[in-house]
N, C-alpha and C. Protein backbone atom coordinates (compact mmCIF):
# COMPACT_ATOMS: atom_id res chain seq x y z
N UNK A 1 -13.32 -12.71 -71.74
CA UNK A 1 -13.14 -11.58 -70.49
C UNK A 1 -14.98 -12.90 -70.08
N UNK A 2 -14.81 -13.20 -68.40
CA UNK A 2 -15.62 -14.01 -68.27
C UNK A 2 -16.90 -13.21 -66.62
N UNK A 3 -17.96 -13.94 -67.04
CA UNK A 3 -18.99 -12.24 -66.27
C UNK A 3 -18.76 -13.81 -64.27
N UNK A 4 -18.59 -12.02 -63.81
CA UNK A 4 -18.32 -12.75 -61.98
C UNK A 4 -19.67 -12.80 -61.59
N UNK A 5 -20.73 -13.51 -61.14
CA UNK A 5 -21.89 -12.82 -60.83
C UNK A 5 -20.89 -12.05 -59.14
N UNK A 6 -22.26 -10.96 -58.83
CA UNK A 6 -22.09 -11.09 -56.86
C UNK A 6 -22.83 -11.84 -56.17
N UNK A 7 -21.69 -12.69 -55.95
CA UNK A 7 -22.55 -13.38 -54.82
C UNK A 7 -23.52 -12.91 -54.06
N UNK A 8 -24.59 -12.66 -53.02
CA UNK A 8 -25.46 -12.36 -52.63
C UNK A 8 -25.18 -11.92 -51.26
N UNK A 9 -24.67 -11.54 -50.37
CA UNK A 9 -24.44 -11.29 -48.67
C UNK A 9 -25.41 -11.69 -48.22
N UNK A 10 -25.93 -12.34 -46.98
CA UNK A 10 -26.44 -13.02 -45.84
C UNK A 10 -26.40 -11.60 -45.17
N UNK A 11 -27.42 -11.66 -44.82
CA UNK A 11 -27.85 -10.32 -43.53
C UNK A 11 -27.08 -10.15 -43.09
N UNK A 12 -26.86 -9.76 -41.77
CA UNK A 12 -26.19 -10.57 -40.86
C UNK A 12 -27.56 -9.80 -39.66
N UNK A 13 -27.92 -11.38 -38.66
CA UNK A 13 -29.19 -10.87 -37.90
C UNK A 13 -28.99 -10.11 -36.36
N UNK A 14 -29.69 -9.00 -36.45
CA UNK A 14 -28.58 -8.72 -34.64
C UNK A 14 -30.43 -9.34 -34.10
N UNK A 15 -30.04 -9.60 -33.58
CA UNK A 15 -29.82 -10.66 -32.17
C UNK A 15 -30.33 -9.24 -30.91
N UNK A 16 -31.32 -9.21 -30.70
CA UNK A 16 -32.29 -8.98 -28.35
C UNK A 16 -31.01 -9.56 -27.92
N UNK A 17 -30.33 -8.25 -26.75
CA UNK A 17 -29.75 -8.61 -25.78
C UNK A 17 -30.60 -9.89 -24.36
N UNK A 18 -31.98 -10.26 -24.69
CA UNK A 18 -32.50 -11.00 -23.90
C UNK A 18 -32.58 -12.07 -24.51
N UNK A 19 -32.51 -12.71 -26.32
CA UNK A 19 -32.55 -13.53 -26.66
C UNK A 19 -30.67 -14.47 -26.47
N UNK A 20 -29.67 -13.83 -26.42
CA UNK A 20 -28.60 -13.90 -26.23
C UNK A 20 -28.20 -14.82 -24.67
N UNK A 21 -28.93 -13.81 -23.84
CA UNK A 21 -29.00 -14.80 -21.94
C UNK A 21 -29.60 -16.01 -22.09
N UNK A 22 -30.96 -15.73 -22.49
CA UNK A 22 -31.59 -17.47 -22.96
C UNK A 22 -31.10 -18.32 -23.35
N UNK A 23 -29.98 -17.79 -24.86
CA UNK A 23 -29.62 -18.76 -25.53
C UNK A 23 -28.42 -19.39 -24.79
N UNK A 24 -27.20 -17.94 -24.46
CA UNK A 24 -25.83 -18.86 -23.27
C UNK A 24 -27.11 -19.52 -21.96
N UNK A 25 -27.77 -19.32 -21.25
CA UNK A 25 -28.67 -20.07 -20.11
C UNK A 25 -28.99 -21.94 -21.15
N UNK A 26 -29.59 -22.10 -22.12
CA UNK A 26 -30.54 -23.06 -23.06
C UNK A 26 -28.37 -23.97 -23.14
N UNK A 27 -27.58 -23.66 -23.70
CA UNK A 27 -26.34 -24.30 -23.95
C UNK A 27 -25.80 -24.52 -22.83
N UNK A 28 -26.01 -23.61 -21.64
CA UNK A 28 -25.68 -23.96 -19.79
C UNK A 28 -26.31 -25.07 -19.84
N UNK A 29 -28.00 -25.72 -20.24
CA UNK A 29 -28.23 -26.88 -19.69
C UNK A 29 -28.72 -27.59 -20.98
N UNK A 30 -28.22 -27.51 -21.95
CA UNK A 30 -27.90 -28.48 -22.62
C UNK A 30 -27.12 -28.72 -24.33
N UNK A 31 -26.07 -28.14 -23.38
CA UNK A 31 -24.77 -27.72 -24.41
C UNK A 31 -24.46 -26.98 -25.48
N UNK A 32 -23.51 -26.40 -24.99
CA UNK A 32 -23.91 -25.58 -26.86
C UNK A 32 -23.58 -25.95 -28.26
N UNK A 33 -23.86 -26.71 -28.46
CA UNK A 33 -23.25 -27.28 -29.84
C UNK A 33 -25.11 -27.73 -30.20
N UNK A 34 -25.56 -28.11 -29.04
CA UNK A 34 -26.59 -28.54 -29.21
C UNK A 34 -28.20 -27.55 -29.54
N UNK A 35 -27.62 -26.62 -28.33
CA UNK A 35 -28.48 -25.83 -27.79
C UNK A 35 -28.15 -23.75 -29.69
N UNK A 36 -26.90 -24.36 -29.99
CA UNK A 36 -26.66 -23.27 -31.38
C UNK A 36 -27.77 -24.26 -33.06
N UNK A 37 -27.77 -25.57 -32.64
CA UNK A 37 -28.43 -26.49 -33.30
C UNK A 37 -30.43 -26.04 -33.35
N UNK A 38 -30.81 -26.79 -32.88
CA UNK A 38 -32.04 -25.82 -32.25
C UNK A 38 -32.38 -24.39 -32.28
N UNK A 39 -31.19 -23.60 -32.42
CA UNK A 39 -31.46 -21.42 -32.05
C UNK A 39 -31.29 -21.69 -33.36
N UNK A 40 -30.52 -22.24 -34.19
CA UNK A 40 -30.24 -21.95 -35.46
C UNK A 40 -29.02 -20.73 -35.79
N UNK A 41 -27.83 -21.25 -35.09
CA UNK A 41 -26.99 -20.35 -34.96
C UNK A 41 -25.74 -20.80 -35.13
N UNK A 42 -24.26 -20.25 -35.24
CA UNK A 42 -24.35 -20.93 -34.66
C UNK A 42 -22.89 -20.87 -33.88
N UNK A 43 -22.25 -22.39 -33.78
CA UNK A 43 -21.73 -22.33 -31.79
C UNK A 43 -20.46 -22.16 -31.75
N UNK A 44 -20.17 -21.09 -32.17
CA UNK A 44 -19.04 -19.99 -31.65
C UNK A 44 -19.79 -19.09 -31.59
N UNK A 45 -21.17 -18.60 -32.20
CA UNK A 45 -21.60 -17.12 -31.90
C UNK A 45 -21.57 -16.89 -30.22
N UNK A 46 -22.21 -18.63 -29.65
CA UNK A 46 -22.72 -19.09 -28.50
C UNK A 46 -20.94 -18.28 -27.85
N UNK A 47 -20.45 -18.91 -27.69
CA UNK A 47 -19.23 -18.49 -27.03
C UNK A 47 -18.76 -16.92 -27.26
N UNK A 48 -19.09 -16.20 -28.16
CA UNK A 48 -18.83 -14.81 -27.92
C UNK A 48 -19.69 -14.58 -27.75
N UNK A 49 -20.82 -14.63 -27.41
CA UNK A 49 -22.37 -13.62 -26.08
C UNK A 49 -22.17 -14.20 -24.98
N UNK A 50 -21.38 -15.47 -24.86
CA UNK A 50 -21.29 -16.12 -22.84
C UNK A 50 -20.37 -15.19 -22.94
N UNK A 51 -18.70 -15.18 -23.74
CA UNK A 51 -17.47 -14.19 -22.92
C UNK A 51 -17.49 -12.97 -23.58
N UNK A 52 -18.74 -12.14 -24.34
CA UNK A 52 -18.84 -10.94 -23.36
C UNK A 52 -19.65 -10.97 -22.39
N UNK A 53 -20.53 -11.21 -22.56
CA UNK A 53 -21.84 -10.92 -21.13
C UNK A 53 -20.62 -11.83 -19.52
N UNK A 54 -20.09 -12.57 -20.19
CA UNK A 54 -18.53 -12.27 -18.61
C UNK A 54 -18.30 -11.34 -18.34
N UNK A 55 -17.13 -10.73 -19.82
CA UNK A 55 -16.03 -9.63 -19.74
C UNK A 55 -16.85 -8.47 -19.28
N UNK A 56 -18.73 -7.58 -19.69
CA UNK A 56 -18.79 -6.83 -19.02
C UNK A 56 -19.66 -7.30 -17.52
N UNK A 57 -19.72 -8.25 -17.10
CA UNK A 57 -19.68 -8.35 -15.60
C UNK A 57 -18.89 -8.19 -14.78
N UNK A 58 -17.88 -8.73 -15.31
CA UNK A 58 -16.57 -8.17 -14.60
C UNK A 58 -16.29 -7.27 -14.38
N UNK A 59 -16.30 -6.16 -15.37
CA UNK A 59 -16.04 -4.99 -16.16
C UNK A 59 -17.20 -4.22 -14.27
N UNK A 60 -18.43 -4.59 -14.73
CA UNK A 60 -19.40 -3.99 -13.78
C UNK A 60 -19.08 -4.55 -11.91
N UNK A 61 -18.53 -5.59 -11.45
CA UNK A 61 -18.05 -6.02 -10.82
C UNK A 61 -16.75 -4.74 -10.13
N UNK A 62 -15.42 -5.24 -11.20
CA UNK A 62 -14.61 -4.39 -10.95
C UNK A 62 -15.46 -2.15 -10.61
N UNK A 63 -16.50 -2.55 -11.14
CA UNK A 63 -16.82 -0.84 -10.98
C UNK A 63 -16.76 -1.65 -9.71
N UNK A 64 -18.37 -2.39 -9.20
CA UNK A 64 -18.85 -1.60 -8.18
C UNK A 64 -17.81 -1.91 -7.04
N UNK A 65 -16.36 -2.78 -7.31
CA UNK A 65 -15.15 -2.74 -6.28
C UNK A 65 -14.78 -1.01 -5.81
N UNK A 66 -14.65 -1.07 -6.53
CA UNK A 66 -13.39 0.92 -7.22
C UNK A 66 -14.78 1.44 -6.35
N UNK A 67 -16.02 1.34 -6.08
CA UNK A 67 -17.01 2.76 -6.19
C UNK A 67 -17.01 2.15 -4.25
N UNK A 68 -16.79 0.90 -3.40
CA UNK A 68 -17.01 0.69 -2.16
C UNK A 68 -15.85 0.83 -1.47
N UNK A 69 -14.85 0.89 -3.00
CA UNK A 69 -13.15 1.35 -2.19
C UNK A 69 -13.60 3.02 -1.57
N UNK A 70 -14.08 3.38 -2.74
CA UNK A 70 -13.44 4.58 -3.26
C UNK A 70 -14.92 5.86 -2.25
N UNK A 71 -16.00 4.75 -1.26
CA UNK A 71 -16.16 4.88 -0.17
C UNK A 71 -15.68 5.49 0.78
N UNK A 72 -15.09 3.95 0.91
CA UNK A 72 -14.32 4.10 2.21
C UNK A 72 -13.26 5.26 2.26
N UNK A 73 -12.55 5.19 1.24
CA UNK A 73 -11.59 5.81 1.66
C UNK A 73 -11.61 7.53 2.11
N UNK A 74 -13.12 7.62 0.95
CA UNK A 74 -13.85 8.58 2.04
C UNK A 74 -14.24 8.96 3.03
N UNK A 75 -14.02 8.21 3.69
CA UNK A 75 -14.61 8.12 5.14
C UNK A 75 -13.65 8.04 6.61
N UNK A 76 -12.70 7.50 5.49
CA UNK A 76 -11.31 7.73 6.53
C UNK A 76 -11.23 8.85 6.75
N UNK A 77 -11.05 9.29 5.03
CA UNK A 77 -10.68 11.00 4.54
C UNK A 77 -11.24 11.88 5.46
N UNK A 78 -12.85 11.52 6.56
CA UNK A 78 -13.36 12.39 6.91
C UNK A 78 -12.79 12.43 7.94
N UNK A 79 -12.59 11.22 8.34
CA UNK A 79 -12.59 10.40 10.23
C UNK A 79 -11.18 11.70 10.48
N UNK A 80 -9.98 11.43 9.67
CA UNK A 80 -8.71 11.68 9.98
C UNK A 80 -8.80 13.38 9.56
N UNK A 81 -9.74 13.70 8.72
CA UNK A 81 -9.51 16.03 9.12
C UNK A 81 -10.68 15.91 10.47
N UNK A 82 -11.41 15.65 11.10
CA UNK A 82 -12.08 15.50 11.82
C UNK A 82 -11.14 15.30 13.16
N UNK A 83 -10.06 14.21 13.33
CA UNK A 83 -9.13 14.07 14.15
C UNK A 83 -7.77 15.15 14.04
N UNK A 84 -7.53 16.13 12.78
CA UNK A 84 -7.13 17.24 13.23
C UNK A 84 -7.12 17.67 13.81
N UNK A 85 -8.16 18.03 13.14
CA UNK A 85 -9.25 20.04 14.17
C UNK A 85 -9.21 19.48 15.76
N UNK A 86 -9.86 18.06 15.37
CA UNK A 86 -9.34 18.09 17.72
C UNK A 86 -7.92 18.56 18.01
N UNK A 87 -6.88 17.67 16.71
CA UNK A 87 -5.96 17.99 17.56
C UNK A 87 -5.44 19.08 17.54
N UNK A 88 -5.92 20.54 15.91
CA UNK A 88 -5.92 21.17 16.48
C UNK A 88 -6.00 22.50 17.97
N UNK A 89 -7.34 22.28 17.95
CA UNK A 89 -8.11 23.23 19.08
C UNK A 89 -7.38 22.79 20.66
N UNK A 90 -7.16 21.34 20.13
CA UNK A 90 -5.95 20.15 21.00
C UNK A 90 -4.98 21.59 21.23
N UNK A 91 -4.14 21.31 20.85
CA UNK A 91 -2.64 22.69 21.17
C UNK A 91 -2.90 23.47 21.54
N UNK A 92 -3.72 24.11 20.57
CA UNK A 92 -4.05 25.27 21.00
C UNK A 92 -4.61 25.49 22.24
N UNK A 93 -5.42 24.63 22.90
CA UNK A 93 -5.64 24.96 24.32
C UNK A 93 -4.48 24.86 25.28
N UNK A 94 -3.55 24.07 24.92
CA UNK A 94 -2.94 23.89 26.08
C UNK A 94 -0.73 24.78 25.61
N UNK A 95 -1.40 24.73 24.75
CA UNK A 95 -0.58 25.92 24.25
C UNK A 95 -0.65 27.29 24.88
N UNK A 96 -1.80 28.27 24.73
CA UNK A 96 -2.19 28.60 25.80
C UNK A 96 -1.84 28.13 27.01
N UNK A 97 -2.62 27.55 27.55
CA UNK A 97 -2.78 27.26 29.20
C UNK A 97 -0.65 26.72 29.59
N UNK A 98 0.35 26.67 28.60
CA UNK A 98 1.33 26.17 29.33
C UNK A 98 2.23 27.81 29.94
N UNK A 99 1.60 29.17 29.21
CA UNK A 99 2.19 30.12 29.29
C UNK A 99 2.10 30.42 30.70
C-alpha cells in the first residue's frame, strides 16, 4: 500500500475589478504576455478578463439601445392616441353637422 500525499491546492486569487481594468489597459499598451509577466498572472487570465468586460459592455450597449427604442415607441404611441382622439372628435362634429 502506498501513501499518497495530498497536494495542497493553491488558493484562488480574487482580484478587484479596478485591477482587472488596469491590467487590460496595460496589456493593450505593452502586450498581453509582457503584462501578465509583470503582474504575475497567466496570459489566459488577461484574455478572459478582456472578453468578459467586452461582453458586459456589449450587453449594456444593447440595453441602452433597447431603452432608447422603447422611449421612442412610447412617444409614437402617445402621438397616435392623440391623433385618434382628434379624429374621433372631428368625425363626431362632422356627423352631427351633416344631418
